Amino acid sequence: EPLVESGGDVVQPGDSLRLSCEVSGRIFSGPGLAWYRQPPGEERELICAIRDDGATWYNDPVKGRFTISREDAKKMLYLQMDSLKFEDTAMYYCAAFPDPTSWGPGTQVTVSS
């Protein structure tokens, strides 16, 4: 599998969660990586990205709460999610950036009281 996400869970509002993604060498060597999410009944959306030089970008709904990072030696991508809200409930996916050519199975994050 070129992309395998993990770390999803059921959490309460205000909690933190860290997602991980194992990335194939071919994808990891590209220009960048990103996290996407797909809330129930909605389309998949780009939430943050990191370039191969370490520069990051965040979509407004997660800015200041989520942190994307990469560990090159292990070919891993991470998403630290803090101050989780109900509206963060979604299936989370990692993918190549800016052109995702394949998708992993995703990992479910549910924020519920």
Protein backbone atom coordinates (compact mmCIF):
# COMPACT_ATOMS: atom_id res chain seq x y z
CA GLU A 1 0.00 0.00 0.00
CA PRO A 2 1.44 3.40 -0.94
CA LEU A 3 -0.39 5.21 1.86
CA VAL A 4 -1.59 3.85 5.19
CA GLU A 5 -3.20 6.15 7.73
CA SER A 6 -3.62 5.35 11.43
CA GLY A 7 -4.41 6.94 14.76
CA GLY A 8 -8.07 7.78 14.37
CA ASP A 9 -10.30 7.43 17.41
CA VAL A 10 -13.43 8.65 19.19
CA VAL A 11 -12.57 11.66 21.33
CA GLN A 12 -14.33 14.47 23.18
CA PRO A 13 -14.33 18.15 22.23
CA GLY A 14 -11.13 19.80 23.36
CA ASP A 15 -9.11 16.60 23.19
CA SER A 16 -5.97 16.03 21.15
CA LEU A 17 -5.15 13.28 18.68
CA ARG A 18 -2.16 12.44 16.52
CA LEU A 19 -2.58 10.80 13.14
CA SER A 20 0.20 8.98 11.34
CA CYS A 21 0.67 8.01 7.71
CA GLU A 22 3.13 5.52 6.26
CA VAL A 23 4.13 6.82 2.84
CA SER A 24 5.75 4.92 0.00
CA GLY A 25 9.16 6.09 -1.16
CA ARG A 26 7.83 7.17 -4.54
CA ILE A 27 5.21 9.47 -3.03
CA PHE A 28 7.46 10.67 -0.21
CA SER A 29 10.08 11.83 -2.71
CA GLY A 30 7.58 14.10 -4.46
CA PRO A 31 7.19 17.87 -3.97
CA GLY A 32 4.91 17.61 -0.96
CA LEU A 33 2.43 15.75 1.21
CA ALA A 34 -0.94 16.69 2.59
CA TRP A 35 -3.79 15.72 4.84
CA TYR A 36 -7.35 15.72 3.55
CA ARG A 37 -10.58 14.94 5.31
CA GLN A 38 -14.09 13.96 4.29
CA PRO A 39 -16.86 14.73 6.76
CA PRO A 40 -20.01 12.57 6.63
CA GLY A 41 -22.07 13.43 3.56
CA GLU A 42 -19.57 15.97 2.28
CA GLU A 43 -16.76 16.08 -0.25
CA ARG A 44 -13.12 15.50 0.58
CA GLU A 45 -11.24 18.70 1.40
CA LEU A 46 -7.59 19.68 1.70
CA ILE A 47 -6.80 20.77 5.26
CA CYS A 48 -3.01 21.15 5.36
CA ALA A 49 0.13 20.47 3.39
CA ILE A 50 3.89 20.34 3.81
CA ARG A 51 6.45 20.79 1.05
CA ASP A 52 9.68 18.88 0.77
CA ASP A 53 11.51 21.97 2.09
CA GLY A 54 9.35 21.94 5.23
CA ALA A 55 7.09 24.86 4.36
CA THR A 56 3.54 24.32 5.59
CA TRP A 57 0.07 25.57 4.71
CA TYR A 58 -3.20 25.26 6.64
CA ASN A 59 -6.79 25.72 5.66
CA ASP A 60 -8.61 28.23 7.86
CA PRO A 61 -10.82 25.72 9.78
CA VAL A 62 -7.73 24.02 11.25
CA LYS A 63 -5.23 26.86 11.38
CA GLY A 64 -3.77 27.24 14.88
CA ARG A 65 -5.12 23.87 16.05
CA PHE A 66 -3.54 21.31 13.72
CA THR A 67 0.15 20.78 12.96
CA ILE A 68 1.46 18.81 10.01
CA SER A 69 4.94 17.33 10.16
CA ARG A 70 7.08 14.76 8.38
CA GLU A 71 9.83 12.40 9.41
CA ASP A 72 11.96 11.83 6.35
CA ALA A 73 14.08 9.00 7.74
CA LYS A 74 10.98 6.89 8.39
CA LYS A 75 8.91 8.20 5.45
CA MET A 76 6.15 9.14 7.85
CA LEU A 77 3.66 12.00 7.80
CA TYR A 78 1.92 13.18 10.97
CA LEU A 79 -1.02 15.35 11.92
CA GLN A 80 -1.19 16.67 15.47
CA MET A 81 -4.74 17.77 16.17
CA ASP A 82 -5.44 19.87 19.24
CA SER A 83 -8.59 21.53 20.57
CA LEU A 84 -10.75 19.15 18.53
CA LYS A 85 -14.27 20.26 17.67
CA PHE A 86 -17.43 18.40 16.66
CA GLU A 87 -16.93 19.65 13.10
CA ASP A 88 -13.55 17.88 12.89
CA THR A 89 -15.39 14.57 12.68
CA ALA A 90 -14.36 13.03 9.38
CA MET A 91 -12.39 10.35 7.61
CA TYR A 92 -8.81 11.60 7.34
CA TYR A 93 -6.51 10.78 4.43
CA CYS A 94 -2.89 11.52 3.59
CA ALA A 95 -1.83 11.99 -0.01
CA ALA A 96 0.72 13.52 -2.32
CA PHE A 97 0.61 17.28 -2.73
CA PRO A 98 -0.27 19.13 -4.91
CA ASP A 99 -1.43 16.26 -7.12
CA PRO A 100 -2.81 13.29 -5.18
CA THR A 101 -2.67 10.27 -7.46
CA SER A 102 -3.68 7.60 -4.97
CA TRP A 103 -5.47 7.30 -1.66
CA GLY A 104 -5.13 5.11 1.36
CA PRO A 105 -8.02 3.60 3.34
CA GLY A 106 -8.17 6.62 5.67
CA THR A 107 -8.58 6.76 9.43
CA GLN A 108 -11.80 7.82 11.18
CA VAL A 109 -11.82 10.65 13.68
CA THR A 110 -15.03 11.14 15.63
CA VAL A 111 -15.46 14.03 18.05
CA SER A 112 -18.39 13.35 20.31
CA SER A 113 -19.49 14.15 23.83
